[in-house]
């Protein structure tokens, strides 16, 4: 079973098997001084918005995301739980309430949100 898992990882995720050769976003040699649109947040909404705006070749679009490269441990779905209390998380909490999170300190539950892969995407 373990050999099968190793084979599947090499076939479907070569970046995990060979992390030195994974594709990494790199900054362009010189950033523009101005952009038509600057989008902060490369989540699903920010990425879709940047993609749609960049369809117009006359517009310059800069997409920024906070964080560092993700640790290899986050590539396995269940192991991502270990990153919740690390530098790869924003450490958001819910508002205090008497109706929920009663067992938690200050009646606030953790609200996990990740931050990885600082990159910019630019269409010139």
N, C-alpha and C. Protein backbone atom coordinates (compact mmCIF):
# COMPACT_ATOMS: atom_id res chain seq x y z
N UNK A 1 0.82 -1.20 0.00
CA UNK A 1 0.00 0.00 0.00
C UNK A 1 0.87 1.27 0.00
N UNK A 2 1.94 1.23 0.82
CA UNK A 2 2.83 2.39 0.89
C UNK A 2 3.53 2.63 -0.45
N UNK A 3 3.92 1.56 -1.13
CA UNK A 3 4.58 1.69 -2.43
C UNK A 3 3.61 2.30 -3.44
N UNK A 4 2.36 1.88 -3.39
CA UNK A 4 1.34 2.45 -4.28
C UNK A 4 1.19 3.95 -4.02
N UNK A 5 1.15 4.33 -2.75
CA UNK A 5 1.03 5.74 -2.41
C UNK A 5 2.22 6.53 -2.93
N UNK A 6 3.42 6.01 -2.76
CA UNK A 6 4.62 6.69 -3.27
C UNK A 6 4.56 6.84 -4.79
N UNK A 7 4.12 5.80 -5.47
CA UNK A 7 4.02 5.85 -6.93
C UNK A 7 3.01 6.90 -7.37
N UNK A 8 1.87 6.95 -6.71
CA UNK A 8 0.85 7.93 -7.07
C UNK A 8 1.32 9.36 -6.82
N UNK A 9 2.04 9.56 -5.74
CA UNK A 9 2.57 10.90 -5.46
C UNK A 9 3.54 11.33 -6.56
N UNK A 10 4.42 10.45 -6.97
CA UNK A 10 5.39 10.79 -8.02
C UNK A 10 4.68 11.06 -9.34
N UNK A 11 3.63 10.29 -9.65
CA UNK A 11 2.91 10.47 -10.91
C UNK A 11 2.06 11.74 -10.93
N UNK A 12 1.35 11.99 -9.84
CA UNK A 12 0.38 13.07 -9.86
C UNK A 12 0.85 14.35 -9.18
N UNK A 13 1.86 14.28 -8.35
CA UNK A 13 2.38 15.48 -7.70
C UNK A 13 3.90 15.46 -7.72
N UNK A 14 4.52 15.62 -8.89
CA UNK A 14 5.98 15.58 -8.96
C UNK A 14 6.63 16.69 -8.14
N UNK A 15 5.89 17.76 -7.87
CA UNK A 15 6.47 18.84 -7.07
C UNK A 15 6.70 18.41 -5.62
N UNK A 16 5.94 17.42 -5.14
CA UNK A 16 6.18 16.90 -3.79
C UNK A 16 7.39 15.99 -3.80
N UNK A 17 7.49 15.14 -4.81
CA UNK A 17 8.61 14.20 -4.90
C UNK A 17 9.93 14.93 -5.14
N UNK A 18 9.89 16.03 -5.86
CA UNK A 18 11.11 16.77 -6.19
C UNK A 18 10.89 18.26 -5.89
N UNK A 19 10.91 18.65 -4.61
CA UNK A 19 10.57 20.03 -4.25
C UNK A 19 11.54 21.07 -4.79
N UNK A 20 12.77 20.69 -5.10
CA UNK A 20 13.73 21.66 -5.63
C UNK A 20 13.34 22.15 -7.02
N UNK A 21 12.60 21.34 -7.76
CA UNK A 21 12.22 21.71 -9.12
C UNK A 21 10.76 22.13 -9.24
N UNK A 22 10.11 22.41 -8.11
CA UNK A 22 8.72 22.84 -8.20
C UNK A 22 8.65 24.25 -8.78
N UNK A 23 7.56 24.53 -9.42
CA UNK A 23 7.36 25.85 -10.01
C UNK A 23 7.12 26.84 -8.88
N UNK A 24 7.91 27.89 -8.87
CA UNK A 24 7.76 28.90 -7.83
C UNK A 24 7.53 30.25 -8.50
N UNK A 25 6.55 30.97 -8.01
CA UNK A 25 6.35 32.31 -8.55
C UNK A 25 7.55 33.19 -8.19
N UNK A 26 8.01 33.94 -9.14
CA UNK A 26 9.14 34.84 -8.89
C UNK A 26 8.75 36.24 -9.33
N UNK A 27 9.27 37.23 -8.65
CA UNK A 27 8.92 38.59 -9.03
C UNK A 27 9.55 38.97 -10.36
N UNK A 28 8.89 39.79 -11.12
CA UNK A 28 9.51 40.28 -12.36
C UNK A 28 10.71 41.15 -12.00
N UNK A 29 11.64 41.31 -12.94
CA UNK A 29 12.85 42.10 -12.64
C UNK A 29 12.53 43.51 -12.15
N UNK A 30 11.53 44.10 -12.70
CA UNK A 30 11.16 45.45 -12.24
C UNK A 30 9.64 45.57 -12.24
N UNK A 31 9.11 45.94 -11.11
CA UNK A 31 7.67 46.15 -11.03
C UNK A 31 7.34 47.50 -11.63
N UNK A 32 6.15 47.61 -12.16
CA UNK A 32 5.70 48.89 -12.68
C UNK A 32 5.53 49.88 -11.53
N UNK A 33 5.55 51.13 -11.85
CA UNK A 33 5.32 52.15 -10.82
C UNK A 33 3.83 52.30 -10.55
N UNK A 34 3.02 52.03 -11.55
CA UNK A 34 1.56 52.15 -11.38
C UNK A 34 0.87 50.97 -12.04
N UNK A 35 -0.31 50.67 -11.54
CA UNK A 35 -1.16 49.62 -12.10
C UNK A 35 -2.57 50.15 -12.20
N UNK A 36 -3.31 49.62 -13.17
CA UNK A 36 -4.71 50.00 -13.27
C UNK A 36 -5.52 49.38 -12.13
N UNK A 37 -5.16 48.15 -11.75
CA UNK A 37 -5.85 47.47 -10.66
C UNK A 37 -4.83 46.74 -9.79
N UNK A 38 -4.96 46.89 -8.48
CA UNK A 38 -4.17 46.12 -7.52
C UNK A 38 -5.15 45.34 -6.66
N UNK A 39 -5.03 44.03 -6.69
CA UNK A 39 -5.94 43.17 -5.94
C UNK A 39 -5.16 42.55 -4.79
N UNK A 40 -5.64 42.76 -3.58
CA UNK A 40 -5.00 42.21 -2.39
C UNK A 40 -5.78 40.97 -1.99
N UNK A 41 -5.14 39.83 -2.04
CA UNK A 41 -5.78 38.57 -1.67
C UNK A 41 -5.94 37.67 -2.87
N UNK A 42 -5.16 36.60 -2.90
CA UNK A 42 -5.20 35.66 -4.01
C UNK A 42 -6.06 34.45 -3.73
N UNK A 43 -7.10 34.63 -2.92
CA UNK A 43 -8.05 33.53 -2.70
C UNK A 43 -8.88 33.32 -3.95
N UNK A 44 -9.96 32.58 -3.83
CA UNK A 44 -10.75 32.28 -5.03
C UNK A 44 -11.31 33.54 -5.65
N UNK A 45 -11.85 34.45 -4.86
CA UNK A 45 -12.44 35.67 -5.42
C UNK A 45 -11.37 36.57 -6.04
N UNK A 46 -10.26 36.78 -5.32
CA UNK A 46 -9.20 37.63 -5.84
C UNK A 46 -8.57 37.10 -7.11
N UNK A 47 -8.37 35.79 -7.17
CA UNK A 47 -7.78 35.18 -8.36
C UNK A 47 -8.70 35.27 -9.56
N UNK A 48 -9.99 35.02 -9.34
CA UNK A 48 -10.96 35.11 -10.44
C UNK A 48 -11.06 36.55 -10.93
N UNK A 49 -11.12 37.49 -10.00
CA UNK A 49 -11.20 38.90 -10.38
C UNK A 49 -9.97 39.33 -11.18
N UNK A 50 -8.78 38.95 -10.71
CA UNK A 50 -7.55 39.30 -11.43
C UNK A 50 -7.54 38.68 -12.83
N UNK A 51 -7.99 37.44 -12.93
CA UNK A 51 -8.05 36.78 -14.23
C UNK A 51 -8.99 37.51 -15.18
N UNK A 52 -10.17 37.86 -14.68
CA UNK A 52 -11.14 38.54 -15.54
C UNK A 52 -10.65 39.92 -15.97
N UNK A 53 -10.06 40.66 -15.03
CA UNK A 53 -9.56 41.99 -15.37
C UNK A 53 -8.40 41.92 -16.36
N UNK A 54 -7.57 40.89 -16.26
CA UNK A 54 -6.41 40.78 -17.14
C UNK A 54 -6.79 40.36 -18.56
N UNK A 55 -8.06 40.02 -18.78
CA UNK A 55 -8.50 39.70 -20.14
C UNK A 55 -8.45 40.93 -21.04
N UNK A 56 -8.56 42.11 -20.45
CA UNK A 56 -8.43 43.35 -21.21
C UNK A 56 -6.94 43.68 -21.31
N UNK A 57 -6.38 43.59 -22.50
CA UNK A 57 -4.94 43.78 -22.68
C UNK A 57 -4.48 45.20 -22.40
N UNK A 58 -5.39 46.14 -22.33
CA UNK A 58 -5.01 47.53 -22.05
C UNK A 58 -4.82 47.79 -20.56
N UNK A 59 -5.27 46.89 -19.71
CA UNK A 59 -5.19 47.08 -18.26
C UNK A 59 -4.01 46.32 -17.68
N UNK A 60 -3.36 46.93 -16.72
CA UNK A 60 -2.31 46.22 -15.97
C UNK A 60 -2.90 45.83 -14.61
N UNK A 61 -2.67 44.57 -14.22
CA UNK A 61 -3.26 44.02 -13.00
C UNK A 61 -2.15 43.43 -12.13
N UNK A 62 -2.18 43.77 -10.85
CA UNK A 62 -1.23 43.22 -9.89
C UNK A 62 -2.03 42.47 -8.83
N UNK A 63 -1.71 41.19 -8.62
CA UNK A 63 -2.37 40.36 -7.61
C UNK A 63 -1.36 40.02 -6.53
N UNK A 64 -1.67 40.37 -5.28
CA UNK A 64 -0.77 40.13 -4.15
C UNK A 64 -1.41 39.17 -3.16
N UNK A 65 -0.61 38.30 -2.58
CA UNK A 65 -1.07 37.38 -1.54
C UNK A 65 -0.01 37.33 -0.45
N UNK A 66 -0.43 37.26 0.79
CA UNK A 66 0.49 37.22 1.92
C UNK A 66 0.91 35.80 2.22
N UNK A 67 1.98 35.68 2.99
CA UNK A 67 2.41 34.36 3.44
C UNK A 67 3.71 33.93 2.79
N UNK A 68 4.13 32.74 3.16
CA UNK A 68 5.35 32.16 2.60
C UNK A 68 4.98 30.88 1.88
N UNK A 69 5.96 30.22 1.31
CA UNK A 69 5.69 28.93 0.67
C UNK A 69 5.18 27.95 1.71
N UNK A 70 4.20 27.18 1.32
CA UNK A 70 3.59 26.24 2.26
C UNK A 70 4.54 25.11 2.61
N UNK A 71 4.43 24.58 3.83
CA UNK A 71 5.26 23.43 4.18
C UNK A 71 4.76 22.19 3.45
N UNK A 72 5.65 21.24 3.22
CA UNK A 72 5.26 20.01 2.53
C UNK A 72 4.15 19.27 3.26
N UNK A 73 4.09 19.43 4.58
CA UNK A 73 3.07 18.72 5.36
C UNK A 73 1.66 19.11 4.95
N UNK A 74 1.47 20.31 4.43
CA UNK A 74 0.12 20.74 4.06
C UNK A 74 -0.35 20.13 2.74
N UNK A 75 0.50 19.40 2.04
CA UNK A 75 0.08 18.76 0.80
C UNK A 75 -0.83 17.57 1.05
N UNK A 76 -0.73 16.96 2.20
CA UNK A 76 -1.62 15.85 2.55
C UNK A 76 -2.83 16.43 3.27
N UNK A 77 -4.05 16.18 2.78
CA UNK A 77 -5.24 16.84 3.32
C UNK A 77 -5.41 16.77 4.83
N UNK A 78 -5.19 15.63 5.45
CA UNK A 78 -5.42 15.53 6.89
C UNK A 78 -4.32 16.20 7.70
N UNK A 79 -3.13 16.31 7.15
CA UNK A 79 -2.04 16.90 7.92
C UNK A 79 -2.12 18.42 7.97
N UNK A 80 -3.01 19.01 7.19
CA UNK A 80 -3.15 20.46 7.21
C UNK A 80 -3.63 20.95 8.58
N UNK A 81 -4.23 20.06 9.35
CA UNK A 81 -4.68 20.44 10.69
C UNK A 81 -3.50 20.86 11.57
N UNK A 82 -2.31 20.35 11.29
CA UNK A 82 -1.14 20.71 12.10
C UNK A 82 -0.70 22.15 11.84
N UNK A 83 -1.12 22.74 10.74
CA UNK A 83 -0.70 24.10 10.40
C UNK A 83 -1.63 25.16 10.98
N UNK A 84 -2.72 24.75 11.63
CA UNK A 84 -3.68 25.73 12.12
C UNK A 84 -3.12 26.63 13.21
N UNK A 85 -2.22 26.13 14.02
CA UNK A 85 -1.64 26.95 15.08
C UNK A 85 -0.17 27.23 14.76
N UNK A 86 0.06 27.74 13.57
CA UNK A 86 1.43 27.98 13.12
C UNK A 86 1.50 29.34 12.42
N UNK A 87 2.65 29.65 11.89
CA UNK A 87 2.81 30.92 11.17
C UNK A 87 2.09 30.90 9.82
N UNK A 88 1.53 29.75 9.43
CA UNK A 88 0.81 29.66 8.17
C UNK A 88 -0.67 29.94 8.33
N UNK A 89 -1.10 30.42 9.49
CA UNK A 89 -2.51 30.72 9.75
C UNK A 89 -2.64 32.16 10.24
N UNK A 90 -3.79 32.75 9.98
CA UNK A 90 -4.05 34.12 10.40
C UNK A 90 -4.47 34.21 11.87
N UNK A 91 -4.87 33.11 12.48
CA UNK A 91 -5.29 33.06 13.89
C UNK A 91 -6.52 33.92 14.17
N UNK A 92 -7.48 33.92 13.24
CA UNK A 92 -8.73 34.62 13.46
C UNK A 92 -9.55 33.89 14.52
N UNK A 93 -10.39 34.64 15.23
CA UNK A 93 -11.31 34.06 16.20
C UNK A 93 -12.69 34.66 15.96
N UNK A 94 -13.73 33.92 16.37
CA UNK A 94 -15.09 34.44 16.25
C UNK A 94 -15.30 35.53 17.29
N UNK A 95 -16.37 36.31 17.12
CA UNK A 95 -16.73 37.30 18.13
C UNK A 95 -17.16 36.57 19.40
N UNK A 96 -16.90 37.13 20.57
CA UNK A 96 -17.36 36.50 21.80
C UNK A 96 -18.89 36.41 21.82
N UNK A 97 -19.40 35.32 22.33
CA UNK A 97 -20.85 35.13 22.38
C UNK A 97 -21.22 34.23 23.55
N UNK A 98 -22.40 34.44 24.08
CA UNK A 98 -22.93 33.55 25.11
C UNK A 98 -23.70 32.39 24.49
N UNK A 99 -23.86 32.37 23.17
CA UNK A 99 -24.65 31.35 22.49
C UNK A 99 -23.83 30.22 21.89
N UNK A 100 -22.56 30.42 21.69
CA UNK A 100 -21.70 29.39 21.11
C UNK A 100 -20.30 29.52 21.68
N UNK A 101 -19.48 28.53 21.43
CA UNK A 101 -18.09 28.49 21.91
C UNK A 101 -18.01 28.65 23.43
N UNK A 102 -18.98 28.10 24.13
CA UNK A 102 -19.05 28.29 25.58
C UNK A 102 -17.87 27.67 26.32
N UNK A 103 -17.27 26.64 25.77
CA UNK A 103 -16.15 25.99 26.45
C UNK A 103 -14.81 26.63 26.10
N UNK A 104 -14.82 27.58 25.20
CA UNK A 104 -13.58 28.19 24.74
C UNK A 104 -13.26 29.44 25.57
N UNK A 105 -11.99 29.80 25.59
CA UNK A 105 -11.57 31.00 26.30
C UNK A 105 -12.24 32.23 25.70
N UNK A 106 -12.81 33.07 26.53
CA UNK A 106 -13.55 34.28 26.11
C UNK A 106 -14.72 33.96 25.19
N UNK A 107 -15.17 32.73 25.20
CA UNK A 107 -16.29 32.29 24.34
C UNK A 107 -16.02 32.60 22.87
N UNK A 108 -14.77 32.40 22.45
CA UNK A 108 -14.36 32.62 21.07
C UNK A 108 -13.79 31.34 20.50
N UNK A 109 -14.26 30.95 19.33
CA UNK A 109 -13.74 29.75 18.65
C UNK A 109 -12.69 30.17 17.62
N UNK A 110 -11.72 29.31 17.36
CA UNK A 110 -10.79 29.60 16.26
C UNK A 110 -11.52 29.58 14.92
N UNK A 111 -11.11 30.44 14.02
CA UNK A 111 -11.68 30.50 12.68
C UNK A 111 -10.51 30.35 11.70
N UNK A 112 -10.13 29.09 11.40
CA UNK A 112 -8.90 28.87 10.64
C UNK A 112 -8.95 29.45 9.22
N UNK A 113 -7.92 30.18 8.87
CA UNK A 113 -7.72 30.71 7.53
C UNK A 113 -6.23 30.68 7.25
N UNK A 114 -5.84 30.12 6.13
CA UNK A 114 -4.43 29.97 5.82
C UNK A 114 -3.84 31.17 5.13
N UNK A 115 -2.52 31.29 5.23
CA UNK A 115 -1.80 32.31 4.47
C UNK A 115 -0.49 31.69 3.99
N UNK A 116 -0.41 31.45 2.72
CA UNK A 116 0.80 30.89 2.12
C UNK A 116 1.00 31.48 0.74
N UNK A 117 2.16 31.27 0.21
CA UNK A 117 2.50 31.60 -1.18
C UNK A 117 2.33 33.07 -1.52
N UNK A 118 3.26 33.88 -1.07
CA UNK A 118 3.30 35.26 -1.53
C UNK A 118 3.69 35.25 -3.00
N UNK A 119 2.87 35.83 -3.82
CA UNK A 119 3.19 35.87 -5.24
C UNK A 119 2.53 37.08 -5.86
N UNK A 120 3.00 37.42 -7.02
CA UNK A 120 2.27 38.39 -7.81
C UNK A 120 2.14 37.88 -9.21
N UNK A 121 1.01 38.22 -9.79
CA UNK A 121 0.73 37.82 -11.16
C UNK A 121 0.55 39.12 -11.93
N UNK A 122 1.23 39.23 -12.99
CA UNK A 122 1.19 40.48 -13.72
C UNK A 122 1.02 40.18 -15.20
N UNK A 123 0.09 40.87 -15.80
CA UNK A 123 -0.07 40.77 -17.24
C UNK A 123 0.35 42.12 -17.82
N UNK A 124 1.39 42.09 -18.59
CA UNK A 124 1.92 43.35 -19.15
C UNK A 124 1.34 43.64 -20.50
